[in-house]
Amino acid sequence: MREILPGEVPKDGGTALQENVDRPVFRGNGPDDYVCVSCGNVLAVSMHPEQMTKKVRIRCGRCSTVNVSVIDGWELAHAPN
């Protein structure tokens, strides 16, 4: 995860708000966990990279940092061979 840049807003993206700092916003069945870039709080667990795109942002419930995946999973999944 990384902090978003000023003005970095995808056209059809959204920001999930972590309401309980002890519960991840998303749970999947993949290999990766995602933590807040500022405080290390767990934001998403067991996610596949394809599920974490630049359109998915998460506001940390502990420090309010808005996080986005470093690698766009959709682009990774659809990269030419």
PDB file of N, CA and C in Angstrom:
ATOM      1  N   MET A   1       0.844  -1.164   0.000  1.00  0.00           N
ATOM      2  CA  MET A   1       0.000   0.000   0.000  1.00  0.00           C
ATOM      3  C   MET A   1       0.891   1.229   0.000  1.00  0.00           C
ATOM      4  N   ARG A   2       0.324   2.318  -0.472  1.00  0.00           N
ATOM      5  CA  ARG A   2       1.011   3.604  -0.432  1.00  0.00           C
ATOM      6  C   ARG A   2      -0.038   4.670  -0.197  1.00  0.00           C
ATOM      7  N   GLU A   3       0.400   5.833   0.243  1.00  0.00           N
ATOM      8  CA  GLU A   3      -0.512   6.954   0.448  1.00  0.00           C
ATOM      9  C   GLU A   3      -0.862   7.544  -0.915  1.00  0.00           C
ATOM     10  N   ILE A   4      -2.116   7.977  -1.078  1.00  0.00           N
ATOM     11  CA  ILE A   4      -2.499   8.575  -2.355  1.00  0.00           C
ATOM     12  C   ILE A   4      -1.832   9.934  -2.511  1.00  0.00           C
ATOM     13  N   LEU A   5      -1.666  10.341  -3.745  1.00  0.00           N
ATOM     14  CA  LEU A   5      -1.085  11.638  -4.057  1.00  0.00           C
ATOM     15  C   LEU A   5      -2.191  12.680  -4.158  1.00  0.00           C
ATOM     16  N   PRO A   6      -1.902  13.949  -3.879  1.00  0.00           N
ATOM     17  CA  PRO A   6      -2.921  14.992  -4.011  1.00  0.00           C
ATOM     18  C   PRO A   6      -3.497  14.994  -5.429  1.00  0.00           C
ATOM     19  N   GLY A   7      -4.816  15.011  -5.536  1.00  0.00           N
ATOM     20  CA  GLY A   7      -5.489  15.035  -6.830  1.00  0.00           C
ATOM     21  C   GLY A   7      -5.585  13.689  -7.513  1.00  0.00           C
ATOM     22  N   GLU A   8      -5.088  12.636  -6.890  1.00  0.00           N
ATOM     23  CA  GLU A   8      -5.120  11.297  -7.479  1.00  0.00           C
ATOM     24  C   GLU A   8      -6.465  10.636  -7.150  1.00  0.00           C
ATOM     25  N   VAL A   9      -7.417  10.833  -8.037  1.00  0.00           N
ATOM     26  CA  VAL A   9      -8.750  10.282  -7.832  1.00  0.00           C
ATOM     27  C   VAL A   9      -9.198   9.602  -9.123  1.00  0.00           C
ATOM     28  N   PRO A  10      -9.346   8.280  -9.123  1.00  0.00           N
ATOM     29  CA  PRO A  10      -9.824   7.607 -10.329  1.00  0.00           C
ATOM     30  C   PRO A  10     -11.279   7.964 -10.601  1.00  0.00           C
ATOM     31  N   LYS A  11     -11.650   7.985 -11.874  1.00  0.00           N
ATOM     32  CA  LYS A  11     -13.006   8.393 -12.269  1.00  0.00           C
ATOM     33  C   LYS A  11     -14.091   7.569 -11.587  1.00  0.00           C
ATOM     34  N   ASP A  12     -13.913   6.267 -11.540  1.00  0.00           N
ATOM     35  CA  ASP A  12     -14.960   5.411 -10.988  1.00  0.00           C
ATOM     36  C   ASP A  12     -14.478   4.628  -9.772  1.00  0.00           C
ATOM     37  N   GLY A  13     -13.580   5.222  -9.007  1.00  0.00           N
ATOM     38  CA  GLY A  13     -13.067   4.570  -7.810  1.00  0.00           C
ATOM     39  C   GLY A  13     -13.839   4.971  -6.573  1.00  0.00           C
ATOM     40  N   GLY A  14     -13.487   4.381  -5.479  1.00  0.00           N
ATOM     41  CA  GLY A  14     -14.128   4.703  -4.217  1.00  0.00           C
ATOM     42  C   GLY A  14     -13.176   4.479  -3.060  1.00  0.00           C
ATOM     43  N   THR A  15     -13.528   5.047  -1.920  1.00  0.00           N
ATOM     44  CA  THR A  15     -12.714   4.893  -0.716  1.00  0.00           C
ATOM     45  C   THR A  15     -13.527   4.171   0.343  1.00  0.00           C
ATOM     46  N   ALA A  16     -13.029   3.022   0.766  1.00  0.00           N
ATOM     47  CA  ALA A  16     -13.662   2.280   1.849  1.00  0.00           C
ATOM     48  C   ALA A  16     -13.169   2.857   3.173  1.00  0.00           C
ATOM     49  N   LEU A  17     -14.058   2.980   4.128  1.00  0.00           N
ATOM     50  CA  LEU A  17     -13.711   3.524   5.440  1.00  0.00           C
ATOM     51  C   LEU A  17     -13.631   2.382   6.452  1.00  0.00           C
ATOM     52  N   GLN A  18     -12.516   2.278   7.118  1.00  0.00           N
ATOM     53  CA  GLN A  18     -12.366   1.254   8.146  1.00  0.00           C
ATOM     54  C   GLN A  18     -13.017   1.779   9.425  1.00  0.00           C
ATOM     55  N   GLU A  19     -14.159   1.217   9.793  1.00  0.00           N
ATOM     56  CA  GLU A  19     -14.905   1.694  10.959  1.00  0.00           C
ATOM     57  C   GLU A  19     -14.356   1.135  12.268  1.00  0.00           C
ATOM     58  N   ASN A  20     -13.821  -0.070  12.230  1.00  0.00           N
ATOM     59  CA  ASN A  20     -13.282  -0.719  13.430  1.00  0.00           C
ATOM     60  C   ASN A  20     -11.816  -1.060  13.164  1.00  0.00           C
ATOM     61  N   VAL A  21     -10.908  -0.464  13.903  1.00  0.00           N
ATOM     62  CA  VAL A  21      -9.473  -0.667  13.649  1.00  0.00           C
ATOM     63  C   VAL A  21      -9.023  -2.107  13.875  1.00  0.00           C
ATOM     64  N   ASP A  22      -9.823  -2.895  14.569  1.00  0.00           N
ATOM     65  CA  ASP A  22      -9.476  -4.284  14.834  1.00  0.00           C
ATOM     66  C   ASP A  22     -10.008  -5.244  13.768  1.00  0.00           C
ATOM     67  N   ARG A  23     -10.714  -4.708  12.758  1.00  0.00           N
ATOM     68  CA  ARG A  23     -11.267  -5.550  11.701  1.00  0.00           C
ATOM     69  C   ARG A  23     -10.830  -5.022  10.347  1.00  0.00           C
ATOM     70  N   PRO A  24     -10.281  -5.894   9.492  1.00  0.00           N
ATOM     71  CA  PRO A  24      -9.927  -5.470   8.137  1.00  0.00           C
ATOM     72  C   PRO A  24     -11.187  -5.073   7.363  1.00  0.00           C
ATOM     73  N   VAL A  25     -11.025  -4.169   6.417  1.00  0.00           N
ATOM     74  CA  VAL A  25     -12.146  -3.741   5.581  1.00  0.00           C
ATOM     75  C   VAL A  25     -12.545  -4.850   4.620  1.00  0.00           C
ATOM     76  N   PHE A  26     -11.551  -5.544   4.065  1.00  0.00           N
ATOM     77  CA  PHE A  26     -11.809  -6.609   3.096  1.00  0.00           C
ATOM     78  C   PHE A  26     -11.159  -7.901   3.547  1.00  0.00           C
ATOM     79  N   ARG A  27     -11.849  -9.028   3.227  1.00  0.00           N
ATOM     80  CA  ARG A  27     -11.304 -10.369   3.449  1.00  0.00           C
ATOM     81  C   ARG A  27     -11.488 -11.145   2.155  1.00  0.00           C
ATOM     82  N   GLY A  28     -10.439 -11.815   1.729  1.00  0.00           N
ATOM     83  CA  GLY A  28     -10.516 -12.616   0.516  1.00  0.00           C
ATOM     84  C   GLY A  28     -10.017 -14.016   0.781  1.00  0.00           C
ATOM     85  N   ASN A  29      -9.543 -14.660  -0.280  1.00  0.00           N
ATOM     86  CA  ASN A  29      -8.970 -16.004  -0.135  1.00  0.00           C
ATOM     87  C   ASN A  29      -7.641 -16.101  -0.886  1.00  0.00           C
ATOM     88  N   GLY A  30      -6.936 -14.988  -0.959  1.00  0.00           N
ATOM     89  CA  GLY A  30      -5.653 -14.933  -1.665  1.00  0.00           C
ATOM     90  C   GLY A  30      -4.466 -14.936  -0.719  1.00  0.00           C
ATOM     91  N   PRO A  31      -3.282 -14.676  -1.272  1.00  0.00           N
ATOM     92  CA  PRO A  31      -2.057 -14.798  -0.487  1.00  0.00           C
ATOM     93  C   PRO A  31      -1.590 -13.535   0.233  1.00  0.00           C
ATOM     94  N   ASP A  32      -2.191 -12.383  -0.056  1.00  0.00           N
ATOM     95  CA  ASP A  32      -1.610 -11.127   0.415  1.00  0.00           C
ATOM     96  C   ASP A  32      -2.473 -10.395   1.445  1.00  0.00           C
ATOM     97  N   ASP A  33      -1.806  -9.832   2.443  1.00  0.00           N
ATOM     98  CA  ASP A  33      -2.438  -8.929   3.400  1.00  0.00           C
ATOM     99  C   ASP A  33      -1.953  -7.514   3.083  1.00  0.00           C
ATOM    100  N   TYR A  34      -2.790  -6.524   3.325  1.00  0.00           N
ATOM    101  CA  TYR A  34      -2.446  -5.129   3.055  1.00  0.00           C
ATOM    102  C   TYR A  34      -2.538  -4.337   4.349  1.00  0.00           C
ATOM    103  N   VAL A  35      -1.498  -3.540   4.618  1.00  0.00           N
ATOM    104  CA  VAL A  35      -1.440  -2.747   5.842  1.00  0.00           C
ATOM    105  C   VAL A  35      -1.290  -1.274   5.491  1.00  0.00           C
ATOM    106  N   CYS A  36      -1.667  -0.421   6.429  1.00  0.00           N
ATOM    107  CA  CYS A  36      -1.554   1.026   6.248  1.00  0.00           C
ATOM    108  C   CYS A  36      -0.088   1.431   6.129  1.00  0.00           C
ATOM    109  N   VAL A  37       0.192   2.286   5.164  1.00  0.00           N
ATOM    110  CA  VAL A  37       1.559   2.745   4.922  1.00  0.00           C
ATOM    111  C   VAL A  37       2.076   3.604   6.082  1.00  0.00           C
ATOM    112  N   SER A  38       1.184   4.263   6.816  1.00  0.00           N
ATOM    113  CA  SER A  38       1.609   5.167   7.884  1.00  0.00           C
ATOM    114  C   SER A  38       1.750   4.499   9.242  1.00  0.00           C
ATOM    115  N   CYS A  39       0.777   3.639   9.595  1.00  0.00           N
ATOM    116  CA  CYS A  39       0.795   3.097  10.959  1.00  0.00           C
ATOM    117  C   CYS A  39       0.870   1.576  11.033  1.00  0.00           C
ATOM    118  N   GLY A  40       0.784   0.876   9.906  1.00  0.00           N
ATOM    119  CA  GLY A  40       0.886  -0.574   9.906  1.00  0.00           C
ATOM    120  C   GLY A  40      -0.373  -1.310  10.285  1.00  0.00           C
ATOM    121  N   ASN A  41      -1.484  -0.605  10.437  1.00  0.00           N
ATOM    122  CA  ASN A  41      -2.759  -1.230  10.771  1.00  0.00           C
ATOM    123  C   ASN A  41      -3.206  -2.133   9.610  1.00  0.00           C
ATOM    124  N   VAL A  42      -3.762  -3.312   9.925  1.00  0.00           N
ATOM    125  CA  VAL A  42      -4.212  -4.247   8.892  1.00  0.00           C
ATOM    126  C   VAL A  42      -5.496  -3.721   8.251  1.00  0.00           C
ATOM    127  N   LEU A  43      -5.480  -3.562   6.912  1.00  0.00           N
ATOM    128  CA  LEU A  43      -6.621  -3.022   6.179  1.00  0.00           C
ATOM    129  C   LEU A  43      -7.374  -4.076   5.382  1.00  0.00           C
ATOM    130  N   ALA A  44      -6.665  -5.047   4.830  1.00  0.00           N
ATOM    131  CA  ALA A  44      -7.280  -6.104   4.023  1.00  0.00           C
ATOM    132  C   ALA A  44      -6.453  -7.371   4.191  1.00  0.00           C
ATOM    133  N   VAL A  45      -7.126  -8.508   4.276  1.00  0.00           N
ATOM    134  CA  VAL A  45      -6.413  -9.773   4.482  1.00  0.00           C
ATOM    135  C   VAL A  45      -6.792 -10.794   3.412  1.00  0.00           C
ATOM    136  N   SER A  46      -5.817 -11.639   3.101  1.00  0.00           N
ATOM    137  CA  SER A  46      -6.016 -12.766   2.174  1.00  0.00           C
ATOM    138  C   SER A  46      -6.581 -12.318   0.828  1.00  0.00           C
ATOM    139  N   MET A  47      -5.988 -11.288   0.269  1.00  0.00           N
ATOM    140  CA  MET A  47      -6.474 -10.745  -1.000  1.00  0.00           C
ATOM    141  C   MET A  47      -5.594 -11.214  -2.155  1.00  0.00           C
ATOM    142  N   HIS A  48      -6.208 -11.395  -3.327  1.00  0.00           N
ATOM    143  CA  HIS A  48      -5.476 -11.623  -4.564  1.00  0.00           C
ATOM    144  C   HIS A  48      -5.069 -10.260  -5.117  1.00  0.00           C
ATOM    145  N   PRO A  49      -3.912 -10.138  -5.750  1.00  0.00           N
ATOM    146  CA  PRO A  49      -3.495  -8.849  -6.312  1.00  0.00           C
ATOM    147  C   PRO A  49      -4.531  -8.261  -7.279  1.00  0.00           C
ATOM    148  N   GLU A  50      -5.240  -9.120  -8.018  1.00  0.00           N
ATOM    149  CA  GLU A  50      -6.236  -8.643  -8.979  1.00  0.00           C
ATOM    150  C   GLU A  50      -7.392  -7.914  -8.305  1.00  0.00           C
ATOM    151  N   GLN A  51      -7.609  -8.183  -7.025  1.00  0.00           N
ATOM    152  CA  GLN A  51      -8.703  -7.540  -6.296  1.00  0.00           C
ATOM    153  C   GLN A  51      -8.334  -6.142  -5.817  1.00  0.00           C
ATOM    154  N   MET A  52      -7.061  -5.845  -5.743  1.00  0.00           N
ATOM    155  CA  MET A  52      -6.611  -4.556  -5.218  1.00  0.00           C
ATOM    156  C   MET A  52      -6.129  -3.674  -6.372  1.00  0.00           C
ATOM    157  N   THR A  53      -7.033  -2.907  -6.929  1.00  0.00           N
ATOM    158  CA  THR A  53      -6.710  -2.042  -8.059  1.00  0.00           C
ATOM    159  C   THR A  53      -6.540  -0.604  -7.590  1.00  0.00           C
ATOM    160  N   LYS A  54      -6.145   0.263  -8.497  1.00  0.00           N
ATOM    161  CA  LYS A  54      -5.988   1.685  -8.173  1.00  0.00           C
ATOM    162  C   LYS A  54      -7.331   2.336  -7.852  1.00  0.00           C
ATOM    163  N   LYS A  55      -8.430   1.670  -8.197  1.00  0.00           N
ATOM    164  CA  LYS A  55      -9.765   2.204  -7.910  1.00  0.00           C
ATOM    165  C   LYS A  55     -10.207   1.912  -6.485  1.00  0.00           C
ATOM    166  N   VAL A  56      -9.507   1.008  -5.809  1.00  0.00           N
ATOM    167  CA  VAL A  56      -9.842   0.624  -4.438  1.00  0.00           C
ATOM    168  C   VAL A  56      -8.913   1.360  -3.485  1.00  0.00           C
ATOM    169  N   ARG A  57      -9.488   2.262  -2.716  1.00  0.00           N
ATOM    170  CA  ARG A  57      -8.712   2.986  -1.713  1.00  0.00           C
ATOM    171  C   ARG A  57      -9.320   2.687  -0.351  1.00  0.00           C
ATOM    172  N   ILE A  58      -8.489   2.690   0.673  1.00  0.00           N
ATOM    173  CA  ILE A  58      -8.972   2.395   2.025  1.00  0.00           C
ATOM    174  C   ILE A  58      -8.462   3.470   2.975  1.00  0.00           C
ATOM    175  N   ARG A  59      -9.405   4.103   3.702  1.00  0.00           N
ATOM    176  CA  ARG A  59      -9.023   5.078   4.739  1.00  0.00           C
ATOM    177  C   ARG A  59      -8.831   4.316   6.041  1.00  0.00           C
ATOM    178  N   CYS A  60      -7.635   4.401   6.587  1.00  0.00           N
ATOM    179  CA  CYS A  60      -7.284   3.706   7.818  1.00  0.00           C
ATOM    180  C   CYS A  60      -8.111   4.243   8.982  1.00  0.00           C
ATOM    181  N   GLY A  61      -8.671   3.324   9.766  1.00  0.00           N
ATOM    182  CA  GLY A  61      -9.457   3.713  10.927  1.00  0.00           C
ATOM    183  C   GLY A  61      -8.618   4.220  12.086  1.00  0.00           C
ATOM    184  N   ARG A  62      -7.340   3.903  12.080  1.00  0.00           N
ATOM    185  CA  ARG A  62      -6.463   4.320  13.171  1.00  0.00           C
ATOM    186  C   ARG A  62      -5.871   5.713  12.920  1.00  0.00           C
ATOM    187  N   CYS A  63      -5.342   5.974  11.713  1.00  0.00           N
ATOM    188  CA  CYS A  63      -4.628   7.243  11.485  1.00  0.00           C
ATOM    189  C   CYS A  63      -5.241   8.103  10.376  1.00  0.00           C
ATOM    190  N   SER A  64      -6.282   7.611   9.713  1.00  0.00           N
ATOM    191  CA  SER A  64      -7.013   8.328   8.651  1.00  0.00           C
ATOM    192  C   SER A  64      -6.247   8.497   7.343  1.00  0.00           C
ATOM    193  N   THR A  65      -5.114   7.831   7.190  1.00  0.00           N
ATOM    194  CA  THR A  65      -4.395   7.860   5.917  1.00  0.00           C
ATOM    195  C   THR A  65      -5.198   7.105   4.871  1.00  0.00           C
ATOM    196  N   VAL A  66      -5.324   7.682   3.675  1.00  0.00           N
ATOM    197  CA  VAL A  66      -5.979   6.989   2.573  1.00  0.00           C
ATOM    198  C   VAL A  66      -4.901   6.222   1.814  1.00  0.00           C
ATOM    199  N   ASN A  67      -5.074   4.901   1.732  1.00  0.00           N
ATOM    200  CA  ASN A  67      -4.102   3.991   1.132  1.00  0.00           C
ATOM    201  C   ASN A  67      -4.610   3.447  -0.191  1.00  0.00           C
ATOM    202  N   VAL A  68      -3.679   3.163  -1.094  1.00  0.00           N
ATOM    203  CA  VAL A  68      -3.988   2.527  -2.367  1.00  0.00           C
ATOM    204  C   VAL A  68      -2.886   1.513  -2.648  1.00  0.00           C
ATOM    205  N   SER A  69      -3.209   0.466  -3.376  1.00  0.00           N
ATOM    206  CA  SER A  69      -2.224  -0.560  -3.702  1.00  0.00           C
ATOM    207  C   SER A  69      -1.091   0.029  -4.531  1.00  0.00           C
ATOM    208  N   VAL A  70       0.132  -0.414  -4.259  1.00  0.00           N
ATOM    209  CA  VAL A  70       1.301   0.049  -5.007  1.00  0.00           C
ATOM    210  C   VAL A  70       1.225  -0.446  -6.453  1.00  0.00           C
ATOM    211  N   ILE A  71       0.824  -1.704  -6.633  1.00  0.00           N
ATOM    212  CA  ILE A  71       0.699  -2.307  -7.956  1.00  0.00           C
ATOM    213  C   ILE A  71      -0.781  -2.448  -8.275  1.00  0.00           C
ATOM    214  N   ASP A  72      -1.186  -2.015  -9.463  1.00  0.00           N
ATOM    215  CA  ASP A  72      -2.577  -2.172  -9.879  1.00  0.00           C
ATOM    216  C   ASP A  72      -2.790  -3.629 -10.271  1.00  0.00           C
ATOM    217  N   GLY A  73      -3.546  -4.345  -9.462  1.00  0.00           N
ATOM    218  CA  GLY A  73      -3.769  -5.769  -9.697  1.00  0.00           C
ATOM    219  C   GLY A  73      -4.446  -6.058 -11.011  1.00  0.00           C
ATOM    220  N   TRP A  74      -5.339  -5.203 -11.468  1.00  0.00           N
ATOM    221  CA  TRP A  74      -6.024  -5.430 -12.740  1.00  0.00           C
ATOM    222  C   TRP A  74      -5.013  -5.374 -13.882  1.00  0.00           C
ATOM    223  N   GLU A  75      -4.149  -4.372 -13.859  1.00  0.00           N
ATOM    224  CA  GLU A  75      -3.124  -4.256 -14.896  1.00  0.00           C
ATOM    225  C   GLU A  75      -2.181  -5.461 -14.846  1.00  0.00           C
ATOM    226  N   LEU A  76      -1.864  -5.914 -13.653  1.00  0.00           N
ATOM    227  CA  LEU A  76      -0.997  -7.079 -13.486  1.00  0.00           C
ATOM    228  C   LEU A  76      -1.632  -8.327 -14.101  1.00  0.00           C
ATOM    229  N   ALA A  77      -2.924  -8.517 -13.874  1.00  0.00           N
ATOM    230  CA  ALA A  77      -3.630  -9.692 -14.370  1.00  0.00           C
ATOM    231  C   ALA A  77      -3.819  -9.653 -15.877  1.00  0.00           C
ATOM    232  N   HIS A  78      -3.858  -8.465 -16.465  1.00  0.00           N
ATOM    233  CA  HIS A  78      -4.127  -8.329 -17.895  1.00  0.00           C
ATOM    234  C   HIS A  78      -2.901  -7.859 -18.679  1.00  0.00           C
ATOM    235  N   ALA A  79      -1.730  -8.034 -18.124  1.00  0.00           N
ATOM    236  CA  ALA A  79      -0.495  -7.632 -18.811  1.00  0.00           C
ATOM    237  C   ALA A  79      -0.237  -8.560 -19.987  1.00  0.00           C
ATOM    238  N   PRO A  80       0.257  -8.011 -21.100  1.00  0.00           N
ATOM    239  CA  PRO A  80       0.594  -8.873 -22.239  1.00  0.00           C
ATOM    240  C   PRO A  80       1.748  -9.812 -21.891  1.00  0.00           C
ATOM    241  N   ASN A  81       1.717 -10.971 -22.441  1.00  0.00           N
ATOM    242  CA  ASN A  81       2.769 -11.970 -22.149  1.00  0.00           C
ATOM    243  C   ASN A  81       4.052 -11.655 -22.846  1.00  0.00           C
TER     244      ASN A  81
END
